Amino acid sequence: MLNQALESEIVAHEPLMEAVTNMAHHMVSKKHPATDEIESKLNSLLADLRELKDLTTERRLKLTSAVESQMVSYFSLILGIGEETISHITYTVLAGT
């Protein structure tokens, strides 16, 4: 849930990030005296945002994998069959074969 909240928060701030980016590009195009600093900070901000998005995506994938693993273990225990069999059944159902 925390990861979903963080991803939602990032999405909610995208219009603000776009506005900041547009303003920075505008200032640079108008030869603002602090052009070098503006470009440097903008590049840093965009790199940090990209890293944050990548980390939240990676975390979501890990959480999904952990949930799936727990489900396989649970069903294996309940049904009394091996985890490999559950994994194969799950793959077959998801692949549609």
PDB file of N, CA and C in Angstrom:
ATOM      1  N   MET A   1       0.814  -1.198   0.000  1.00  0.00           N
ATOM      2  CA  MET A   1       0.000   0.000   0.000  1.00  0.00           C
ATOM      3  C   MET A   1       0.858   1.262   0.000  1.00  0.00           C
ATOM      4  N   LEU A   2       1.963   1.223   0.755  1.00  0.00           N
ATOM      5  CA  LEU A   2       2.836   2.395   0.773  1.00  0.00           C
ATOM      6  C   LEU A   2       3.420   2.680  -0.596  1.00  0.00           C
ATOM      7  N   ASN A   3       3.753   1.604  -1.320  1.00  0.00           N
ATOM      8  CA  ASN A   3       4.320   1.800  -2.647  1.00  0.00           C
ATOM      9  C   ASN A   3       3.289   2.420  -3.588  1.00  0.00           C
ATOM     10  N   GLN A   4       2.029   1.970  -3.496  1.00  0.00           N
ATOM     11  CA  GLN A   4       0.969   2.559  -4.323  1.00  0.00           C
ATOM     12  C   GLN A   4       0.780   4.025  -3.975  1.00  0.00           C
ATOM     13  N   ALA A   5       0.847   4.347  -2.700  1.00  0.00           N
ATOM     14  CA  ALA A   5       0.702   5.743  -2.273  1.00  0.00           C
ATOM     15  C   ALA A   5       1.842   6.584  -2.832  1.00  0.00           C
ATOM     16  N   LEU A   6       3.049   6.046  -2.781  1.00  0.00           N
ATOM     17  CA  LEU A   6       4.203   6.779  -3.307  1.00  0.00           C
ATOM     18  C   LEU A   6       4.077   6.971  -4.819  1.00  0.00           C
ATOM     19  N   GLU A   7       3.676   5.920  -5.529  1.00  0.00           N
ATOM     20  CA  GLU A   7       3.498   6.043  -6.976  1.00  0.00           C
ATOM     21  C   GLU A   7       2.409   7.068  -7.308  1.00  0.00           C
ATOM     22  N   SER A   8       1.334   7.069  -6.534  1.00  0.00           N
ATOM     23  CA  SER A   8       0.259   8.049  -6.744  1.00  0.00           C
ATOM     24  C   SER A   8       0.742   9.470  -6.476  1.00  0.00           C
ATOM     25  N   GLU A   9       1.551   9.606  -5.450  1.00  0.00           N
ATOM     26  CA  GLU A   9       2.103  10.922  -5.104  1.00  0.00           C
ATOM     27  C   GLU A   9       3.006  11.442  -6.227  1.00  0.00           C
ATOM     28  N   ILE A  10       3.796  10.564  -6.802  1.00  0.00           N
ATOM     29  CA  ILE A  10       4.672  10.955  -7.916  1.00  0.00           C
ATOM     30  C   ILE A  10       3.833  11.411  -9.101  1.00  0.00           C
ATOM     31  N   VAL A  11       2.808  10.646  -9.438  1.00  0.00           N
ATOM     32  CA  VAL A  11       1.926  10.993 -10.554  1.00  0.00           C
ATOM     33  C   VAL A  11       1.230  12.325 -10.284  1.00  0.00           C
ATOM     34  N   ALA A  12       0.805  12.535  -9.049  1.00  0.00           N
ATOM     35  CA  ALA A  12       0.112  13.782  -8.699  1.00  0.00           C
ATOM     36  C   ALA A  12       1.017  14.997  -8.852  1.00  0.00           C
ATOM     37  N   HIS A  13       2.324  14.807  -8.703  1.00  0.00           N
ATOM     38  CA  HIS A  13       3.256  15.927  -8.809  1.00  0.00           C
ATOM     39  C   HIS A  13       3.809  16.138 -10.221  1.00  0.00           C
ATOM     40  N   GLU A  14       3.432  15.277 -11.152  1.00  0.00           N
ATOM     41  CA  GLU A  14       3.957  15.404 -12.511  1.00  0.00           C
ATOM     42  C   GLU A  14       3.617  16.748 -13.170  1.00  0.00           C
ATOM     43  N   PRO A  15       2.401  17.288 -13.015  1.00  0.00           N
ATOM     44  CA  PRO A  15       2.133  18.603 -13.609  1.00  0.00           C
ATOM     45  C   PRO A  15       3.048  19.697 -13.052  1.00  0.00           C
ATOM     46  N   LEU A  16       3.336  19.644 -11.761  1.00  0.00           N
ATOM     47  CA  LEU A  16       4.247  20.615 -11.158  1.00  0.00           C
ATOM     48  C   LEU A  16       5.655  20.442 -11.721  1.00  0.00           C
ATOM     49  N   MET A  17       6.095  19.192 -11.856  1.00  0.00           N
ATOM     50  CA  MET A  17       7.424  18.932 -12.415  1.00  0.00           C
ATOM     51  C   MET A  17       7.516  19.433 -13.858  1.00  0.00           C
ATOM     52  N   GLU A  18       6.444  19.239 -14.604  1.00  0.00           N
ATOM     53  CA  GLU A  18       6.421  19.718 -15.987  1.00  0.00           C
ATOM     54  C   GLU A  18       6.482  21.241 -16.041  1.00  0.00           C
ATOM     55  N   ALA A  19       5.775  21.892 -15.135  1.00  0.00           N
ATOM     56  CA  ALA A  19       5.788  23.357 -15.082  1.00  0.00           C
ATOM     57  C   ALA A  19       7.183  23.877 -14.726  1.00  0.00           C
ATOM     58  N   VAL A  20       7.829  23.226 -13.769  1.00  0.00           N
ATOM     59  CA  VAL A  20       9.193  23.622 -13.373  1.00  0.00           C
ATOM     60  C   VAL A  20      10.152  23.422 -14.539  1.00  0.00           C
ATOM     61  N   THR A  21      10.015  22.295 -15.216  1.00  0.00           N
ATOM     62  CA  THR A  21      10.870  22.009 -16.369  1.00  0.00           C
ATOM     63  C   THR A  21      10.664  23.046 -17.472  1.00  0.00           C
ATOM     64  N   ASN A  22       9.414  23.363 -17.769  1.00  0.00           N
ATOM     65  CA  ASN A  22       9.124  24.362 -18.798  1.00  0.00           C
ATOM     66  C   ASN A  22       9.687  25.732 -18.427  1.00  0.00           C
ATOM     67  N   MET A  23       9.527  26.108 -17.152  1.00  0.00           N
ATOM     68  CA  MET A  23      10.052  27.401 -16.707  1.00  0.00           C
ATOM     69  C   MET A  23      11.581  27.432 -16.805  1.00  0.00           C
ATOM     70  N   ALA A  24      12.216  26.344 -16.433  1.00  0.00           N
ATOM     71  CA  ALA A  24      13.678  26.284 -16.523  1.00  0.00           C
ATOM     72  C   ALA A  24      14.136  26.404 -17.976  1.00  0.00           C
ATOM     73  N   HIS A  25      13.471  25.693 -18.874  1.00  0.00           N
ATOM     74  CA  HIS A  25      13.831  25.789 -20.296  1.00  0.00           C
ATOM     75  C   HIS A  25      13.598  27.209 -20.824  1.00  0.00           C
ATOM     76  N   HIS A  26      12.528  27.826 -20.389  1.00  0.00           N
ATOM     77  CA  HIS A  26      12.234  29.197 -20.803  1.00  0.00           C
ATOM     78  C   HIS A  26      13.332  30.153 -20.319  1.00  0.00           C
ATOM     79  N   MET A  27      13.719  30.009 -19.061  1.00  0.00           N
ATOM     80  CA  MET A  27      14.762  30.879 -18.496  1.00  0.00           C
ATOM     81  C   MET A  27      16.089  30.693 -19.232  1.00  0.00           C
ATOM     82  N   VAL A  28      16.413  29.452 -19.546  1.00  0.00           N
ATOM     83  CA  VAL A  28      17.660  29.180 -20.273  1.00  0.00           C
ATOM     84  C   VAL A  28      17.593  29.772 -21.678  1.00  0.00           C
ATOM     85  N   SER A  29      16.447  29.634 -22.344  1.00  0.00           N
ATOM     86  CA  SER A  29      16.319  30.167 -23.702  1.00  0.00           C
ATOM     87  C   SER A  29      16.392  31.691 -23.730  1.00  0.00           C
ATOM     88  N   LYS A  30      16.044  32.328 -22.613  1.00  0.00           N
ATOM     89  CA  LYS A  30      16.115  33.793 -22.520  1.00  0.00           C
ATOM     90  C   LYS A  30      17.459  34.267 -21.978  1.00  0.00           C
ATOM     91  N   LYS A  31      18.418  33.340 -21.885  1.00  0.00           N
ATOM     92  CA  LYS A  31      19.787  33.660 -21.452  1.00  0.00           C
ATOM     93  C   LYS A  31      19.835  34.237 -20.039  1.00  0.00           C
ATOM     94  N   HIS A  32      19.124  33.596 -19.124  1.00  0.00           N
ATOM     95  CA  HIS A  32      19.146  34.021 -17.718  1.00  0.00           C
ATOM     96  C   HIS A  32      20.595  33.982 -17.223  1.00  0.00           C
ATOM     97  N   PRO A  33      20.987  34.938 -16.379  1.00  0.00           N
ATOM     98  CA  PRO A  33      22.372  34.972 -15.884  1.00  0.00           C
ATOM     99  C   PRO A  33      22.803  33.677 -15.170  1.00  0.00           C
ATOM    100  N   ALA A  34      21.875  32.952 -14.616  1.00  0.00           N
ATOM    101  CA  ALA A  34      22.212  31.717 -13.892  1.00  0.00           C
ATOM    102  C   ALA A  34      21.912  30.475 -14.734  1.00  0.00           C
ATOM    103  N   THR A  35      22.065  30.598 -16.042  1.00  0.00           N
ATOM    104  CA  THR A  35      21.724  29.506 -16.957  1.00  0.00           C
ATOM    105  C   THR A  35      22.430  28.200 -16.589  1.00  0.00           C
ATOM    106  N   ASP A  36      23.718  28.282 -16.315  1.00  0.00           N
ATOM    107  CA  ASP A  36      24.463  27.062 -15.988  1.00  0.00           C
ATOM    108  C   ASP A  36      23.911  26.390 -14.738  1.00  0.00           C
ATOM    109  N   GLU A  37      23.621  27.178 -13.718  1.00  0.00           N
ATOM    110  CA  GLU A  37      23.087  26.639 -12.476  1.00  0.00           C
ATOM    111  C   GLU A  37      21.672  26.062 -12.684  1.00  0.00           C
ATOM    112  N   ILE A  38      20.867  26.778 -13.477  1.00  0.00           N
ATOM    113  CA  ILE A  38      19.512  26.307 -13.764  1.00  0.00           C
ATOM    114  C   ILE A  38      19.557  24.961 -14.472  1.00  0.00           C
ATOM    115  N   GLU A  39      20.399  24.857 -15.498  1.00  0.00           N
ATOM    116  CA  GLU A  39      20.522  23.602 -16.233  1.00  0.00           C
ATOM    117  C   GLU A  39      21.027  22.481 -15.337  1.00  0.00           C
ATOM    118  N   SER A  40      21.995  22.789 -14.504  1.00  0.00           N
ATOM    119  CA  SER A  40      22.551  21.789 -13.598  1.00  0.00           C
ATOM    120  C   SER A  40      21.492  21.274 -12.614  1.00  0.00           C
ATOM    121  N   LYS A  41      20.755  22.192 -12.012  1.00  0.00           N
ATOM    122  CA  LYS A  41      19.729  21.797 -11.047  1.00  0.00           C
ATOM    123  C   LYS A  41      18.579  21.055 -11.721  1.00  0.00           C
ATOM    124  N   LEU A  42      18.217  21.504 -12.915  1.00  0.00           N
ATOM    125  CA  LEU A  42      17.148  20.818 -13.647  1.00  0.00           C
ATOM    126  C   LEU A  42      17.565  19.397 -13.995  1.00  0.00           C
ATOM    127  N   ASN A  43      18.783  19.228 -14.492  1.00  0.00           N
ATOM    128  CA  ASN A  43      19.275  17.889 -14.830  1.00  0.00           C
ATOM    129  C   ASN A  43      19.317  16.993 -13.594  1.00  0.00           C
ATOM    130  N   SER A  44      19.742  17.537 -12.477  1.00  0.00           N
ATOM    131  CA  SER A  44      19.787  16.788 -11.230  1.00  0.00           C
ATOM    132  C   SER A  44      18.379  16.399 -10.779  1.00  0.00           C
ATOM    133  N   LEU A  45      17.465  17.348 -10.857  1.00  0.00           N
ATOM    134  CA  LEU A  45      16.075  17.094 -10.465  1.00  0.00           C
ATOM    135  C   LEU A  45      15.452  16.004 -11.329  1.00  0.00           C
ATOM    136  N   LEU A  46      15.650  16.092 -12.637  1.00  0.00           N
ATOM    137  CA  LEU A  46      15.076  15.101 -13.550  1.00  0.00           C
ATOM    138  C   LEU A  46      15.706  13.720 -13.353  1.00  0.00           C
ATOM    139  N   ALA A  47      17.014  13.683 -13.074  1.00  0.00           N
ATOM    140  CA  ALA A  47      17.685  12.406 -12.809  1.00  0.00           C
ATOM    141  C   ALA A  47      17.156  11.786 -11.515  1.00  0.00           C
ATOM    142  N   ASP A  48      16.978  12.612 -10.493  1.00  0.00           N
ATOM    143  CA  ASP A  48      16.441  12.111  -9.219  1.00  0.00           C
ATOM    144  C   ASP A  48      15.015  11.599  -9.389  1.00  0.00           C
ATOM    145  N   LEU A  49      14.220  12.301 -10.168  1.00  0.00           N
ATOM    146  CA  LEU A  49      12.845  11.873 -10.412  1.00  0.00           C
ATOM    147  C   LEU A  49      12.820  10.540 -11.162  1.00  0.00           C
ATOM    148  N   ARG A  50      13.681  10.415 -12.169  1.00  0.00           N
ATOM    149  CA  ARG A  50      13.759   9.156 -12.930  1.00  0.00           C
ATOM    150  C   ARG A  50      14.162   8.005 -12.011  1.00  0.00           C
ATOM    151  N   GLU A  51      15.150   8.261 -11.140  1.00  0.00           N
ATOM    152  CA  GLU A  51      15.596   7.228 -10.209  1.00  0.00           C
ATOM    153  C   GLU A  51      14.472   6.833  -9.249  1.00  0.00           C
ATOM    154  N   LEU A  52      13.731   7.819  -8.755  1.00  0.00           N
ATOM    155  CA  LEU A  52      12.621   7.551  -7.852  1.00  0.00           C
ATOM    156  C   LEU A  52      11.556   6.690  -8.545  1.00  0.00           C
ATOM    157  N   LYS A  53      11.241   7.024  -9.784  1.00  0.00           N
ATOM    158  CA  LYS A  53      10.265   6.240 -10.539  1.00  0.00           C
ATOM    159  C   LYS A  53      10.773   4.815 -10.771  1.00  0.00           C
ATOM    160  N   ASP A  54      12.049   4.698 -11.111  1.00  0.00           N
ATOM    161  CA  ASP A  54      12.623   3.373 -11.340  1.00  0.00           C
ATOM    162  C   ASP A  54      12.592   2.533 -10.065  1.00  0.00           C
ATOM    163  N   LEU A  55      12.930   3.150  -8.932  1.00  0.00           N
ATOM    164  CA  LEU A  55      12.932   2.426  -7.659  1.00  0.00           C
ATOM    165  C   LEU A  55      11.529   2.000  -7.239  1.00  0.00           C
ATOM    166  N   THR A  56      10.533   2.860  -7.475  1.00  0.00           N
ATOM    167  CA  THR A  56       9.165   2.472  -7.112  1.00  0.00           C
ATOM    168  C   THR A  56       8.664   1.351  -8.018  1.00  0.00           C
ATOM    169  N   THR A  57       9.047   1.377  -9.282  1.00  0.00           N
ATOM    170  CA  THR A  57       8.675   0.299 -10.197  1.00  0.00           C
ATOM    171  C   THR A  57       9.335  -1.007  -9.768  1.00  0.00           C
ATOM    172  N   GLU A  58      10.620  -0.933  -9.442  1.00  0.00           N
ATOM    173  CA  GLU A  58      11.341  -2.117  -8.984  1.00  0.00           C
ATOM    174  C   GLU A  58      10.712  -2.675  -7.700  1.00  0.00           C
ATOM    175  N   ARG A  59      10.344  -1.787  -6.796  1.00  0.00           N
ATOM    176  CA  ARG A  59       9.736  -2.226  -5.541  1.00  0.00           C
ATOM    177  C   ARG A  59       8.376  -2.893  -5.808  1.00  0.00           C
ATOM    178  N   ARG A  60       7.583  -2.291  -6.710  1.00  0.00           N
ATOM    179  CA  ARG A  60       6.284  -2.871  -7.040  1.00  0.00           C
ATOM    180  C   ARG A  60       6.458  -4.278  -7.598  1.00  0.00           C
ATOM    181  N   LEU A  61       7.433  -4.468  -8.483  1.00  0.00           N
ATOM    182  CA  LEU A  61       7.679  -5.779  -9.065  1.00  0.00           C
ATOM    183  C   LEU A  61       8.111  -6.791  -8.007  1.00  0.00           C
ATOM    184  N   LYS A  62       8.955  -6.356  -7.087  1.00  0.00           N
ATOM    185  CA  LYS A  62       9.392  -7.247  -6.011  1.00  0.00           C
ATOM    186  C   LYS A  62       8.230  -7.614  -5.096  1.00  0.00           C
ATOM    187  N   LEU A  63       7.385  -6.642  -4.779  1.00  0.00           N
ATOM    188  CA  LEU A  63       6.228  -6.919  -3.934  1.00  0.00           C
ATOM    189  C   LEU A  63       5.261  -7.876  -4.621  1.00  0.00           C
ATOM    190  N   THR A  64       5.043  -7.681  -5.903  1.00  0.00           N
ATOM    191  CA  THR A  64       4.167  -8.571  -6.663  1.00  0.00           C
ATOM    192  C   THR A  64       4.726  -9.983  -6.677  1.00  0.00           C
ATOM    193  N   SER A  65       6.011 -10.092  -6.894  1.00  0.00           N
ATOM    194  CA  SER A  65       6.661 -11.403  -6.902  1.00  0.00           C
ATOM    195  C   SER A  65       6.550 -12.071  -5.536  1.00  0.00           C
ATOM    196  N   ALA A  66       6.720 -11.306  -4.474  1.00  0.00           N
ATOM    197  CA  ALA A  66       6.618 -11.861  -3.125  1.00  0.00           C
ATOM    198  C   ALA A  66       5.201 -12.363  -2.850  1.00  0.00           C
ATOM    199  N   VAL A  67       4.209 -11.604  -3.275  1.00  0.00           N
ATOM    200  CA  VAL A  67       2.813 -12.026  -3.081  1.00  0.00           C
ATOM    201  C   VAL A  67       2.540 -13.306  -3.857  1.00  0.00           C
ATOM    202  N   GLU A  68       3.003 -13.360  -5.095  1.00  0.00           N
ATOM    203  CA  GLU A  68       2.797 -14.557  -5.905  1.00  0.00           C
ATOM    204  C   GLU A  68       3.480 -15.770  -5.274  1.00  0.00           C
ATOM    205  N   SER A  69       4.673 -15.572  -4.753  1.00  0.00           N
ATOM    206  CA  SER A  69       5.400 -16.654  -4.103  1.00  0.00           C
ATOM    207  C   SER A  69       4.651 -17.155  -2.871  1.00  0.00           C
ATOM    208  N   GLN A  70       4.118 -16.225  -2.098  1.00  0.00           N
ATOM    209  CA  GLN A  70       3.344 -16.599  -0.913  1.00  0.00           C
ATOM    210  C   GLN A  70       2.080 -17.368  -1.309  1.00  0.00           C
ATOM    211  N   MET A  71       1.452 -16.939  -2.385  1.00  0.00           N
ATOM    212  CA  MET A  71       0.239 -17.627  -2.854  1.00  0.00           C
ATOM    213  C   MET A  71       0.568 -19.052  -3.288  1.00  0.00           C
ATOM    214  N   VAL A  72       1.666 -19.226  -4.001  1.00  0.00           N
ATOM    215  CA  VAL A  72       2.078 -20.556  -4.443  1.00  0.00           C
ATOM    216  C   VAL A  72       2.330 -21.444  -3.228  1.00  0.00           C
ATOM    217  N   SER A  73       3.052 -20.911  -2.244  1.00  0.00           N
ATOM    218  CA  SER A  73       3.321 -21.691  -1.030  1.00  0.00           C
ATOM    219  C   SER A  73       2.036 -22.049  -0.310  1.00  0.00           C
ATOM    220  N   TYR A  74       1.127 -21.102  -0.209  1.00  0.00           N
ATOM    221  CA  TYR A  74      -0.144 -21.319   0.483  1.00  0.00           C
ATOM    222  C   TYR A  74      -0.965 -22.401  -0.216  1.00  0.00           C
ATOM    223  N   PHE A  75      -1.133 -22.275  -1.527  1.00  0.00           N
ATOM    224  CA  PHE A  75      -1.925 -23.252  -2.271  1.00  0.00           C
ATOM    225  C   PHE A  75      -1.248 -24.625  -2.278  1.00  0.00           C
ATOM    226  N   SER A  76       0.064 -24.625  -2.315  1.00  0.00           N
ATOM    227  CA  SER A  76       0.793 -25.885  -2.246  1.00  0.00           C
ATOM    228  C   SER A  76       0.504 -26.584  -0.924  1.00  0.00           C
ATOM    229  N   LEU A  77       0.504 -25.827   0.150  1.00  0.00           N
ATOM    230  CA  LEU A  77       0.217 -26.383   1.469  1.00  0.00           C
ATOM    231  C   LEU A  77      -1.224 -26.870   1.559  1.00  0.00           C
ATOM    232  N   ILE A  78      -2.152 -26.047   1.110  1.00  0.00           N
ATOM    233  CA  ILE A  78      -3.580 -26.379   1.192  1.00  0.00           C
ATOM    234  C   ILE A  78      -3.921 -27.578   0.311  1.00  0.00           C
ATOM    235  N   LEU A  79      -3.407 -27.593  -0.911  1.00  0.00           N
ATOM    236  CA  LEU A  79      -3.754 -28.653  -1.856  1.00  0.00           C
ATOM    237  C   LEU A  79      -2.888 -29.894  -1.707  1.00  0.00           C
ATOM    238  N   GLY A  80      -1.801 -29.750  -0.957  1.00  0.00           N
ATOM    239  CA  GLY A  80      -0.929 -30.897  -0.739  1.00  0.00           C
ATOM    240  C   GLY A  80      -0.149 -31.316  -1.970  1.00  0.00           C
ATOM    241  N   ILE A  81       0.139 -30.377  -2.848  1.00  0.00           N
ATOM    242  CA  ILE A  81       0.955 -30.687  -4.031  1.00  0.00           C
ATOM    243  C   ILE A  81       2.167 -29.775  -4.038  1.00  0.00           C
ATOM    244  N   GLY A  82       3.149 -30.134  -4.816  1.00  0.00           N
ATOM    245  CA  GLY A  82       4.409 -29.392  -4.855  1.00  0.00           C
ATOM    246  C   GLY A  82       4.270 -27.992  -5.429  1.00  0.00           C
ATOM    247  N   GLU A  83       5.157 -27.123  -4.975  1.00  0.00           N
ATOM    248  CA  GLU A  83       5.152 -25.737  -5.465  1.00  0.00           C
ATOM    249  C   GLU A  83       5.430 -25.672  -6.959  1.00  0.00           C
ATOM    250  N   GLU A  84       6.247 -26.606  -7.470  1.00  0.00           N
ATOM    251  CA  GLU A  84       6.538 -26.618  -8.909  1.00  0.00           C
ATOM    252  C   GLU A  84       5.263 -26.868  -9.704  1.00  0.00           C
ATOM    253  N   THR A  85       4.410 -27.762  -9.189  1.00  0.00           N
ATOM    254  CA  THR A  85       3.149 -28.065  -9.861  1.00  0.00           C
ATOM    255  C   THR A  85       2.241 -26.844  -9.865  1.00  0.00           C
ATOM    256  N   ILE A  86       2.153 -26.154  -8.724  1.00  0.00           N
ATOM    257  CA  ILE A  86       1.346 -24.928  -8.632  1.00  0.00           C
ATOM    258  C   ILE A  86       1.890 -23.883  -9.586  1.00  0.00           C
ATOM    259  N   SER A  87       3.205 -23.714  -9.600  1.00  0.00           N
ATOM    260  CA  SER A  87       3.824 -22.725 -10.492  1.00  0.00           C
ATOM    261  C   SER A  87       3.529 -23.061 -11.948  1.00  0.00           C
ATOM    262  N   HIS A  88       3.599 -24.352 -12.290  1.00  0.00           N
ATOM    263  CA  HIS A  88       3.315 -24.775 -13.664  1.00  0.00           C
ATOM    264  C   HIS A  88       1.853 -24.506 -14.029  1.00  0.00           C
ATOM    265  N   ILE A  89       0.952 -24.844 -13.115  1.00  0.00           N
ATOM    266  CA  ILE A  89      -0.474 -24.590 -13.356  1.00  0.00           C
ATOM    267  C   ILE A  89      -0.717 -23.098 -13.535  1.00  0.00           C
ATOM    268  N   THR A  90      -0.122 -22.287 -12.673  1.00  0.00           N
ATOM    269  CA  THR A  90      -0.286 -20.840 -12.752  1.00  0.00           C
ATOM    270  C   THR A  90       0.241 -20.317 -14.082  1.00  0.00           C
ATOM    271  N   TYR A  91       1.435 -20.770 -14.483  1.00  0.00           N
ATOM    272  CA  TYR A  91       2.018 -20.333 -15.750  1.00  0.00           C
ATOM    273  C   TYR A  91       1.128 -20.737 -16.910  1.00  0.00           C
ATOM    274  N   THR A  92       0.628 -21.969 -16.884  1.00  0.00           N
ATOM    275  CA  THR A  92      -0.234 -22.472 -17.961  1.00  0.00           C
ATOM    276  C   THR A  92      -1.513 -21.646 -18.063  1.00  0.00           C
ATOM    277  N   VAL A  93      -2.105 -21.338 -16.942  1.00  0.00           N
ATOM    278  CA  VAL A  93      -3.350 -20.551 -16.935  1.00  0.00           C
ATOM    279  C   VAL A  93      -3.078 -19.138 -17.453  1.00  0.00           C
ATOM    280  N   LEU A  94      -1.990 -18.509 -16.963  1.00  0.00           N
ATOM    281  CA  LEU A  94      -1.689 -17.139 -17.378  1.00  0.00           C
ATOM    282  C   LEU A  94      -1.272 -17.061 -18.848  1.00  0.00           C
ATOM    283  N   ALA A  95      -0.578 -18.101 -19.322  1.00  0.00           N
ATOM    284  CA  ALA A  95      -0.127 -18.119 -20.708  1.00  0.00           C
ATOM    285  C   ALA A  95      -1.244 -18.505 -21.660  1.00  0.00           C
ATOM    286  N   GLY A  96      -2.317 -19.080 -21.113  1.00  0.00           N
ATOM    287  CA  GLY A  96      -3.448 -19.446 -21.943  1.00  0.00           C
ATOM    288  C   GLY A  96      -3.227 -20.707 -22.748  1.00  0.00           C
ATOM    289  N   THR A  97      -2.307 -21.551 -22.275  1.00  0.00           N
ATOM    290  CA  THR A  97      -2.042 -22.804 -23.001  1.00  0.00           C
ATOM    291  C   THR A  97      -2.556 -23.983 -22.231  1.00  0.00           C
TER     292      THR A  97
END
